[in-house]
Amino acid sequence: MPKMKSNAGAKKRFILTGSGKIKRKHAYHSHILTKKSNKRKRNLLKWGMVAPTDVHHVQRLLAMR
């Protein structure tokens, strides 16, 4: 059976940490930034973790399972 291909879009959007967790970027930080407060924009810059309910789906996209 051939190898699983990982999703090219998911490869660009998610990063695997050393402990095996999956990091993601926040949405709403690409345009229309003038009406957003500095605090909100600053917090959107930080990386978040993928929710436990979505980890299985992201792992399948990254061909980890």
C-alpha atoms as a PDB file:
ATOM      1  CA  MET A   1       0.000   0.000   0.000  1.00  0.00           C
ATOM      2  CA  PRO A   2       1.363   3.477  -0.853  1.00  0.00           C
ATOM      3  CA  LYS A   3       2.360   6.021   1.755  1.00  0.00           C
ATOM      4  CA  MET A   4      -0.188   8.548   3.012  1.00  0.00           C
ATOM      5  CA  LYS A   5       0.208  12.023   1.522  1.00  0.00           C
ATOM      6  CA  SER A   6       0.067  14.899   3.970  1.00  0.00           C
ATOM      7  CA  ASN A   7      -2.202  17.837   3.124  1.00  0.00           C
ATOM      8  CA  ALA A   8      -0.096  20.655   1.661  1.00  0.00           C
ATOM      9  CA  GLY A   9      -2.295  23.376   3.175  1.00  0.00           C
ATOM     10  CA  ALA A  10      -2.108  21.798   6.621  1.00  0.00           C
ATOM     11  CA  LYS A  11       1.691  21.549   6.407  1.00  0.00           C
ATOM     12  CA  LYS A  12       1.830  25.339   6.031  1.00  0.00           C
ATOM     13  CA  ARG A  13      -0.639  26.070   8.843  1.00  0.00           C
ATOM     14  CA  PHE A  14       0.361  23.773  11.699  1.00  0.00           C
ATOM     15  CA  ILE A  15       3.614  23.144  13.585  1.00  0.00           C
ATOM     16  CA  LEU A  16       4.370  20.115  15.724  1.00  0.00           C
ATOM     17  CA  THR A  17       5.939  20.798  19.137  1.00  0.00           C
ATOM     18  CA  GLY A  18       8.564  18.637  20.755  1.00  0.00           C
ATOM     19  CA  SER A  19       6.013  17.067  23.094  1.00  0.00           C
ATOM     20  CA  GLY A  20       3.730  16.144  20.172  1.00  0.00           C
ATOM     21  CA  LYS A  21       1.154  18.915  20.505  1.00  0.00           C
ATOM     22  CA  ILE A  22       0.017  20.850  17.432  1.00  0.00           C
ATOM     23  CA  LYS A  23       0.411  24.631  17.309  1.00  0.00           C
ATOM     24  CA  ARG A  24      -1.746  26.917  15.157  1.00  0.00           C
ATOM     25  CA  LYS A  25      -1.985  30.599  14.270  1.00  0.00           C
ATOM     26  CA  HIS A  26      -4.950  32.774  15.213  1.00  0.00           C
ATOM     27  CA  ALA A  27      -7.443  33.968  12.620  1.00  0.00           C
ATOM     28  CA  TYR A  28      -8.529  37.606  12.052  1.00  0.00           C
ATOM     29  CA  HIS A  29      -5.025  39.049  11.791  1.00  0.00           C
ATOM     30  CA  SER A  30      -4.661  39.418   8.033  1.00  0.00           C
ATOM     31  CA  HIS A  31      -6.692  42.511   7.101  1.00  0.00           C
ATOM     32  CA  ILE A  32      -9.075  45.181   8.455  1.00  0.00           C
ATOM     33  CA  LEU A  33      -6.699  45.809  11.336  1.00  0.00           C
ATOM     34  CA  THR A  34      -7.527  49.511  11.809  1.00  0.00           C
ATOM     35  CA  LYS A  35     -10.657  48.869  13.874  1.00  0.00           C
ATOM     36  CA  LYS A  36      -9.001  46.266  16.101  1.00  0.00           C
ATOM     37  CA  SER A  37      -7.333  47.366  19.313  1.00  0.00           C
ATOM     38  CA  ASN A  38      -3.577  47.046  19.789  1.00  0.00           C
ATOM     39  CA  LYS A  39      -4.116  44.532  22.587  1.00  0.00           C
ATOM     40  CA  ARG A  40      -6.320  42.376  20.376  1.00  0.00           C
ATOM     41  CA  LYS A  41      -3.849  42.459  17.476  1.00  0.00           C
ATOM     42  CA  ARG A  42      -0.949  41.660  19.817  1.00  0.00           C
ATOM     43  CA  ASN A  43      -2.770  38.645  21.244  1.00  0.00           C
ATOM     44  CA  LEU A  44      -3.670  37.410  17.754  1.00  0.00           C
ATOM     45  CA  LEU A  45       0.045  37.286  16.905  1.00  0.00           C
ATOM     46  CA  LYS A  46       0.688  34.588  19.521  1.00  0.00           C
ATOM     47  CA  TRP A  47       0.417  30.923  18.614  1.00  0.00           C
ATOM     48  CA  GLY A  48      -2.346  28.774  20.089  1.00  0.00           C
ATOM     49  CA  MET A  49      -2.814  25.056  20.490  1.00  0.00           C
ATOM     50  CA  VAL A  50      -5.239  22.990  18.438  1.00  0.00           C
ATOM     51  CA  ALA A  51      -8.320  22.063  20.467  1.00  0.00           C
ATOM     52  CA  PRO A  52      -8.412  18.466  21.747  1.00  0.00           C
ATOM     53  CA  THR A  53     -11.520  17.756  19.654  1.00  0.00           C
ATOM     54  CA  ASP A  54      -9.704  18.765  16.457  1.00  0.00           C
ATOM     55  CA  VAL A  55      -6.341  17.086  17.108  1.00  0.00           C
ATOM     56  CA  HIS A  56      -7.383  13.811  15.457  1.00  0.00           C
ATOM     57  CA  HIS A  57      -8.525  15.598  12.271  1.00  0.00           C
ATOM     58  CA  VAL A  58      -5.330  17.665  12.010  1.00  0.00           C
ATOM     59  CA  GLN A  59      -3.209  14.569  12.595  1.00  0.00           C
ATOM     60  CA  ARG A  60      -4.944  12.863   9.680  1.00  0.00           C
ATOM     61  CA  LEU A  61      -4.270  15.894   7.467  1.00  0.00           C
ATOM     62  CA  LEU A  62      -0.608  15.784   8.454  1.00  0.00           C
ATOM     63  CA  ALA A  63      -0.534  12.006   7.809  1.00  0.00           C
ATOM     64  CA  MET A  64       0.528  11.292  11.375  1.00  0.00           C
ATOM     65  CA  ARG A  65      -1.912   8.383  11.677  1.00  0.00           C
END
